[in-house]
């Protein structure tokens, strides 16, 4: 719903840190860090940078406000 409205967005961390390939040897498994896993599933990175204009900010705010809960 955000991209068609002109707002950039991305998933920064699609998996929690303990689920990343580089820490696999440590033996963590799904469910070991439920809060981190929930954050990875539910988080979204929105555009935030100094050059973001007021008009661009309004597009992001409007897109997020219309997001279905």
PDB file of N, CA and C in Angstrom:
ATOM      1  N   UNK A   1       0.794  -1.217   0.000  1.00  0.00           N
ATOM      2  CA  UNK A   1       0.000   0.000   0.000  1.00  0.00           C
ATOM      3  C   UNK A   1       0.834   1.278   0.000  1.00  0.00           C
ATOM      4  N   UNK A   2       2.108   1.216   0.386  1.00  0.00           N
ATOM      5  CA  UNK A   2       2.906   2.440   0.447  1.00  0.00           C
ATOM      6  C   UNK A   2       3.519   2.797  -0.895  1.00  0.00           C
ATOM      7  N   UNK A   3       4.081   1.825  -1.595  1.00  0.00           N
ATOM      8  CA  UNK A   3       4.756   2.107  -2.861  1.00  0.00           C
ATOM      9  C   UNK A   3       3.827   2.721  -3.908  1.00  0.00           C
ATOM     10  N   UNK A   4       2.617   2.181  -4.119  1.00  0.00           N
ATOM     11  CA  UNK A   4       1.741   2.800  -5.119  1.00  0.00           C
ATOM     12  C   UNK A   4       1.384   4.255  -4.799  1.00  0.00           C
ATOM     13  N   UNK A   5       1.478   4.622  -3.532  1.00  0.00           N
ATOM     14  CA  UNK A   5       1.165   5.992  -3.135  1.00  0.00           C
ATOM     15  C   UNK A   5       2.376   6.899  -3.265  1.00  0.00           C
ATOM     16  N   UNK A   6       3.509   6.337  -3.677  1.00  0.00           N
ATOM     17  CA  UNK A   6       4.700   7.149  -3.891  1.00  0.00           C
ATOM     18  C   UNK A   6       5.643   7.205  -2.715  1.00  0.00           C
ATOM     19  N   UNK A   7       5.438   6.349  -1.736  1.00  0.00           N
ATOM     20  CA  UNK A   7       6.308   6.339  -0.561  1.00  0.00           C
ATOM     21  C   UNK A   7       7.292   5.183  -0.655  1.00  0.00           C
ATOM     22  N   UNK A   8       8.567   5.494  -0.490  1.00  0.00           N
ATOM     23  CA  UNK A   8       9.561   4.441  -0.428  1.00  0.00           C
ATOM     24  C   UNK A   8       9.404   3.661   0.865  1.00  0.00           C
ATOM     25  N   UNK A   9       9.780   2.407   0.844  1.00  0.00           N
ATOM     26  CA  UNK A   9       9.763   1.574   2.044  1.00  0.00           C
ATOM     27  C   UNK A   9      10.592   0.337   1.762  1.00  0.00           C
ATOM     28  N   UNK A  10      10.996  -0.331   2.814  1.00  0.00           N
ATOM     29  CA  UNK A  10      11.820  -1.522   2.648  1.00  0.00           C
ATOM     30  C   UNK A  10      11.748  -2.374   3.907  1.00  0.00           C
ATOM     31  N   UNK A  11      12.141  -3.607   3.767  1.00  0.00           N
ATOM     32  CA  UNK A  11      12.300  -4.483   4.915  1.00  0.00           C
ATOM     33  C   UNK A  11      13.796  -4.517   5.193  1.00  0.00           C
ATOM     34  N   UNK A  12      14.192  -3.961   6.313  1.00  0.00           N
ATOM     35  CA  UNK A  12      15.618  -3.883   6.620  1.00  0.00           C
ATOM     36  C   UNK A  12      16.198  -5.207   7.093  1.00  0.00           C
ATOM     37  N   UNK A  13      15.470  -5.890   7.942  1.00  0.00           N
ATOM     38  CA  UNK A  13      15.955  -7.146   8.502  1.00  0.00           C
ATOM     39  C   UNK A  13      14.863  -8.205   8.365  1.00  0.00           C
ATOM     40  N   UNK A  14      14.873  -8.971   7.255  1.00  0.00           N
ATOM     41  CA  UNK A  14      13.809  -9.949   7.047  1.00  0.00           C
ATOM     42  C   UNK A  14      13.845 -11.114   8.036  1.00  0.00           C
ATOM     43  N   UNK A  15      14.989 -11.323   8.672  1.00  0.00           N
ATOM     44  CA  UNK A  15      15.120 -12.358   9.703  1.00  0.00           C
ATOM     45  C   UNK A  15      15.809 -11.741  10.906  1.00  0.00           C
ATOM     46  N   UNK A  16      15.467 -12.215  12.079  1.00  0.00           N
ATOM     47  CA  UNK A  16      16.117 -11.741  13.298  1.00  0.00           C
ATOM     48  C   UNK A  16      17.605 -12.081  13.258  1.00  0.00           C
ATOM     49  N   UNK A  17      18.394 -11.342  13.999  1.00  0.00           N
ATOM     50  CA  UNK A  17      19.852 -11.543  13.978  1.00  0.00           C
ATOM     51  C   UNK A  17      20.249 -12.983  14.276  1.00  0.00           C
ATOM     52  N   UNK A  18      19.602 -13.616  15.252  1.00  0.00           N
ATOM     53  CA  UNK A  18      19.991 -14.980  15.614  1.00  0.00           C
ATOM     54  C   UNK A  18      19.602 -16.001  14.543  1.00  0.00           C
ATOM     55  N   UNK A  19      18.837 -15.561  13.532  1.00  0.00           N
ATOM     56  CA  UNK A  19      18.449 -16.448  12.443  1.00  0.00           C
ATOM     57  C   UNK A  19      19.298 -16.222  11.193  1.00  0.00           C
ATOM     58  N   UNK A  20      20.249 -15.334  11.265  1.00  0.00           N
ATOM     59  CA  UNK A  20      21.124 -15.042  10.130  1.00  0.00           C
ATOM     60  C   UNK A  20      22.127 -16.182   9.949  1.00  0.00           C
ATOM     61  N   UNK A  21      22.491 -16.387   8.709  1.00  0.00           N
ATOM     62  CA  UNK A  21      23.422 -17.474   8.366  1.00  0.00           C
ATOM     63  C   UNK A  21      24.732 -17.384   9.154  1.00  0.00           C
ATOM     64  N   UNK A  22      25.224 -16.188   9.368  1.00  0.00           N
ATOM     65  CA  UNK A  22      26.536 -16.023  10.013  1.00  0.00           C
ATOM     66  C   UNK A  22      26.552 -16.480  11.474  1.00  0.00           C
ATOM     67  N   UNK A  23      25.397 -16.576  12.118  1.00  0.00           N
ATOM     68  CA  UNK A  23      25.370 -17.033  13.513  1.00  0.00           C
ATOM     69  C   UNK A  23      24.793 -18.443  13.653  1.00  0.00           C
ATOM     70  N   UNK A  24      24.548 -19.094  12.537  1.00  0.00           N
ATOM     71  CA  UNK A  24      24.011 -20.464  12.576  1.00  0.00           C
ATOM     72  C   UNK A  24      24.855 -21.394  13.450  1.00  0.00           C
ATOM     73  N   UNK A  25      26.191 -21.296  13.411  1.00  0.00           N
ATOM     74  CA  UNK A  25      26.997 -22.191  14.248  1.00  0.00           C
ATOM     75  C   UNK A  25      26.734 -22.052  15.751  1.00  0.00           C
ATOM     76  N   UNK A  26      26.114 -20.965  16.177  1.00  0.00           N
ATOM     77  CA  UNK A  26      25.833 -20.782  17.601  1.00  0.00           C
ATOM     78  C   UNK A  26      24.649 -21.632  18.064  1.00  0.00           C
ATOM     79  N   UNK A  27      23.883 -22.165  17.112  1.00  0.00           N
ATOM     80  CA  UNK A  27      22.841 -23.119  17.453  1.00  0.00           C
ATOM     81  C   UNK A  27      21.496 -22.538  17.867  1.00  0.00           C
ATOM     82  N   UNK A  28      21.285 -21.269  17.664  1.00  0.00           N
ATOM     83  CA  UNK A  28      19.982 -20.699  18.003  1.00  0.00           C
ATOM     84  C   UNK A  28      18.918 -21.252  17.066  1.00  0.00           C
ATOM     85  N   UNK A  29      17.702 -21.371  17.590  1.00  0.00           N
ATOM     86  CA  UNK A  29      16.607 -21.879  16.766  1.00  0.00           C
ATOM     87  C   UNK A  29      15.406 -20.952  16.882  1.00  0.00           C
ATOM     88  N   UNK A  30      14.445 -21.164  15.989  1.00  0.00           N
ATOM     89  CA  UNK A  30      13.233 -20.356  16.004  1.00  0.00           C
ATOM     90  C   UNK A  30      12.566 -20.468  17.371  1.00  0.00           C
ATOM     91  N   UNK A  31      12.178 -19.328  17.904  1.00  0.00           N
ATOM     92  CA  UNK A  31      11.539 -19.292  19.208  1.00  0.00           C
ATOM     93  C   UNK A  31      12.480 -18.923  20.338  1.00  0.00           C
ATOM     94  N   UNK A  32      13.796 -18.932  20.093  1.00  0.00           N
ATOM     95  CA  UNK A  32      14.743 -18.586  21.142  1.00  0.00           C
ATOM     96  C   UNK A  32      14.643 -17.106  21.542  1.00  0.00           C
ATOM     97  N   UNK A  33      14.319 -16.254  20.582  1.00  0.00           N
ATOM     98  CA  UNK A  33      14.202 -14.822  20.840  1.00  0.00           C
ATOM     99  C   UNK A  33      12.910 -14.320  20.191  1.00  0.00           C
ATOM    100  N   UNK A  34      11.758 -14.597  20.828  1.00  0.00           N
ATOM    101  CA  UNK A  34      10.474 -14.284  20.193  1.00  0.00           C
ATOM    102  C   UNK A  34      10.262 -12.799  19.912  1.00  0.00           C
ATOM    103  N   UNK A  35      10.754 -11.925  20.757  1.00  0.00           N
ATOM    104  CA  UNK A  35      10.576 -10.489  20.508  1.00  0.00           C
ATOM    105  C   UNK A  35      11.357 -10.056  19.267  1.00  0.00           C
ATOM    106  N   UNK A  36      12.559 -10.564  19.107  1.00  0.00           N
ATOM    107  CA  UNK A  36      13.365 -10.241  17.928  1.00  0.00           C
ATOM    108  C   UNK A  36      12.715 -10.797  16.663  1.00  0.00           C
ATOM    109  N   UNK A  37      12.160 -11.991  16.758  1.00  0.00           N
ATOM    110  CA  UNK A  37      11.497 -12.598  15.607  1.00  0.00           C
ATOM    111  C   UNK A  37      10.244 -11.812  15.232  1.00  0.00           C
ATOM    112  N   UNK A  38       9.483 -11.368  16.211  1.00  0.00           N
ATOM    113  CA  UNK A  38       8.294 -10.558  15.942  1.00  0.00           C
ATOM    114  C   UNK A  38       8.686  -9.235  15.297  1.00  0.00           C
ATOM    115  N   UNK A  39       9.734  -8.611  15.798  1.00  0.00           N
ATOM    116  CA  UNK A  39      10.191  -7.340  15.233  1.00  0.00           C
ATOM    117  C   UNK A  39      10.616  -7.521  13.777  1.00  0.00           C
ATOM    118  N   UNK A  40      11.289  -8.622  13.470  1.00  0.00           N
ATOM    119  CA  UNK A  40      11.716  -8.872  12.089  1.00  0.00           C
ATOM    120  C   UNK A  40      10.511  -9.064  11.170  1.00  0.00           C
ATOM    121  N   UNK A  41       9.459  -9.706  11.682  1.00  0.00           N
ATOM    122  CA  UNK A  41       8.248  -9.926  10.875  1.00  0.00           C
ATOM    123  C   UNK A  41       7.429  -8.651  10.691  1.00  0.00           C
ATOM    124  N   UNK A  42       7.433  -7.785  11.686  1.00  0.00           N
ATOM    125  CA  UNK A  42       6.488  -6.678  11.721  1.00  0.00           C
ATOM    126  C   UNK A  42       7.091  -5.310  11.430  1.00  0.00           C
ATOM    127  N   UNK A  43       8.398  -5.212  11.349  1.00  0.00           N
ATOM    128  CA  UNK A  43       9.046  -3.917  11.172  1.00  0.00           C
ATOM    129  C   UNK A  43       9.130  -3.525   9.703  1.00  0.00           C
ATOM    130  N   UNK A  44       9.128  -2.232   9.482  1.00  0.00           N
ATOM    131  CA  UNK A  44       9.231  -1.683   8.144  1.00  0.00           C
ATOM    132  C   UNK A  44      10.075  -0.421   8.226  1.00  0.00           C
ATOM    133  N   UNK A  45      11.002  -0.267   7.306  1.00  0.00           N
ATOM    134  CA  UNK A  45      11.841   0.932   7.278  1.00  0.00           C
ATOM    135  C   UNK A  45      11.208   1.959   6.346  1.00  0.00           C
ATOM    136  N   UNK A  46      10.942   3.124   6.866  1.00  0.00           N
ATOM    137  CA  UNK A  46      10.391   4.219   6.079  1.00  0.00           C
ATOM    138  C   UNK A  46      11.497   5.201   5.739  1.00  0.00           C
ATOM    139  N   UNK A  47      11.314   5.991   4.697  1.00  0.00           N
ATOM    140  CA  UNK A  47      12.357   6.951   4.329  1.00  0.00           C
ATOM    141  C   UNK A  47      12.512   8.035   5.390  1.00  0.00           C
ATOM    142  N   UNK A  48      13.725   8.162   5.884  1.00  0.00           N
ATOM    143  CA  UNK A  48      14.055   9.194   6.859  1.00  0.00           C
ATOM    144  C   UNK A  48      15.474   9.665   6.547  1.00  0.00           C
ATOM    145  N   UNK A  49      15.581  10.865   6.046  1.00  0.00           N
ATOM    146  CA  UNK A  49      16.892  11.427   5.751  1.00  0.00           C
ATOM    147  C   UNK A  49      16.748  12.940   5.652  1.00  0.00           C
ATOM    148  N   UNK A  50      17.825  13.679   5.852  1.00  0.00           N
ATOM    149  CA  UNK A  50      17.751  15.147   5.927  1.00  0.00           C
ATOM    150  C   UNK A  50      17.161  15.822   4.693  1.00  0.00           C
ATOM    151  N   UNK A  51      17.357  15.226   3.518  1.00  0.00           N
ATOM    152  CA  UNK A  51      16.889  15.859   2.289  1.00  0.00           C
ATOM    153  C   UNK A  51      15.415  15.601   1.989  1.00  0.00           C
ATOM    154  N   UNK A  52      14.741  14.828   2.820  1.00  0.00           N
ATOM    155  CA  UNK A  52      13.331  14.530   2.619  1.00  0.00           C
ATOM    156  C   UNK A  52      12.525  15.819   2.746  1.00  0.00           C
ATOM    157  N   UNK A  53      11.838  16.190   1.682  1.00  0.00           N
ATOM    158  CA  UNK A  53      11.103  17.452   1.679  1.00  0.00           C
ATOM    159  C   UNK A  53       9.806  17.318   2.481  1.00  0.00           C
ATOM    160  N   UNK A  54       9.219  18.434   2.801  1.00  0.00           N
ATOM    161  CA  UNK A  54       7.946  18.433   3.528  1.00  0.00           C
ATOM    162  C   UNK A  54       6.873  17.714   2.717  1.00  0.00           C
ATOM    163  N   UNK A  55       6.844  17.928   1.411  1.00  0.00           N
ATOM    164  CA  UNK A  55       5.863  17.238   0.564  1.00  0.00           C
ATOM    165  C   UNK A  55       6.074  15.726   0.599  1.00  0.00           C
ATOM    166  N   UNK A  56       7.324  15.297   0.552  1.00  0.00           N
ATOM    167  CA  UNK A  56       7.619  13.861   0.613  1.00  0.00           C
ATOM    168  C   UNK A  56       7.235  13.294   1.977  1.00  0.00           C
ATOM    169  N   UNK A  57       7.484  14.049   3.025  1.00  0.00           N
ATOM    170  CA  UNK A  57       7.077  13.610   4.364  1.00  0.00           C
ATOM    171  C   UNK A  57       5.562  13.431   4.429  1.00  0.00           C
ATOM    172  N   UNK A  58       4.836  14.357   3.824  1.00  0.00           N
ATOM    173  CA  UNK A  58       3.376  14.265   3.825  1.00  0.00           C
ATOM    174  C   UNK A  58       2.884  13.031   3.090  1.00  0.00           C
ATOM    175  N   UNK A  59       3.562  12.659   2.003  1.00  0.00           N
ATOM    176  CA  UNK A  59       3.195  11.439   1.269  1.00  0.00           C
ATOM    177  C   UNK A  59       3.387  10.217   2.168  1.00  0.00           C
ATOM    178  N   UNK A  60       4.505  10.157   2.863  1.00  0.00           N
ATOM    179  CA  UNK A  60       4.795   9.023   3.753  1.00  0.00           C
ATOM    180  C   UNK A  60       3.753   8.981   4.873  1.00  0.00           C
ATOM    181  N   UNK A  61       3.498  10.102   5.512  1.00  0.00           N
ATOM    182  CA  UNK A  61       2.538  10.154   6.621  1.00  0.00           C
ATOM    183  C   UNK A  61       1.155   9.735   6.153  1.00  0.00           C
ATOM    184  N   UNK A  62       0.710  10.242   5.009  1.00  0.00           N
ATOM    185  CA  UNK A  62      -0.613   9.898   4.501  1.00  0.00           C
ATOM    186  C   UNK A  62      -0.699   8.405   4.170  1.00  0.00           C
ATOM    187  N   UNK A  63       0.359   7.855   3.574  1.00  0.00           N
ATOM    188  CA  UNK A  63       0.351   6.436   3.223  1.00  0.00           C
ATOM    189  C   UNK A  63       0.286   5.566   4.476  1.00  0.00           C
ATOM    190  N   UNK A  64       1.038   5.931   5.495  1.00  0.00           N
ATOM    191  CA  UNK A  64       1.033   5.160   6.740  1.00  0.00           C
ATOM    192  C   UNK A  64      -0.315   5.305   7.439  1.00  0.00           C
ATOM    193  N   UNK A  65      -0.870   6.505   7.439  1.00  0.00           N
ATOM    194  CA  UNK A  65      -2.165   6.734   8.092  1.00  0.00           C
ATOM    195  C   UNK A  65      -3.274   5.905   7.453  1.00  0.00           C
ATOM    196  N   UNK A  66      -3.175   5.646   6.162  1.00  0.00           N
ATOM    197  CA  UNK A  66      -4.191   4.869   5.453  1.00  0.00           C
ATOM    198  C   UNK A  66      -3.945   3.360   5.513  1.00  0.00           C
ATOM    199  N   UNK A  67      -2.842   2.960   6.112  1.00  0.00           N
ATOM    200  CA  UNK A  67      -2.499   1.543   6.140  1.00  0.00           C
ATOM    201  C   UNK A  67      -3.523   0.787   6.984  1.00  0.00           C
ATOM    202  N   UNK A  68      -4.078  -0.291   6.461  1.00  0.00           N
ATOM    203  CA  UNK A  68      -5.088  -1.038   7.227  1.00  0.00           C
ATOM    204  C   UNK A  68      -4.460  -1.739   8.418  1.00  0.00           C
ATOM    205  N   UNK A  69      -5.116  -1.666   9.540  1.00  0.00           N
ATOM    206  CA  UNK A  69      -4.621  -2.335  10.758  1.00  0.00           C
ATOM    207  C   UNK A  69      -5.212  -3.706  10.915  1.00  0.00           C
TER     208      UNK A  69
END
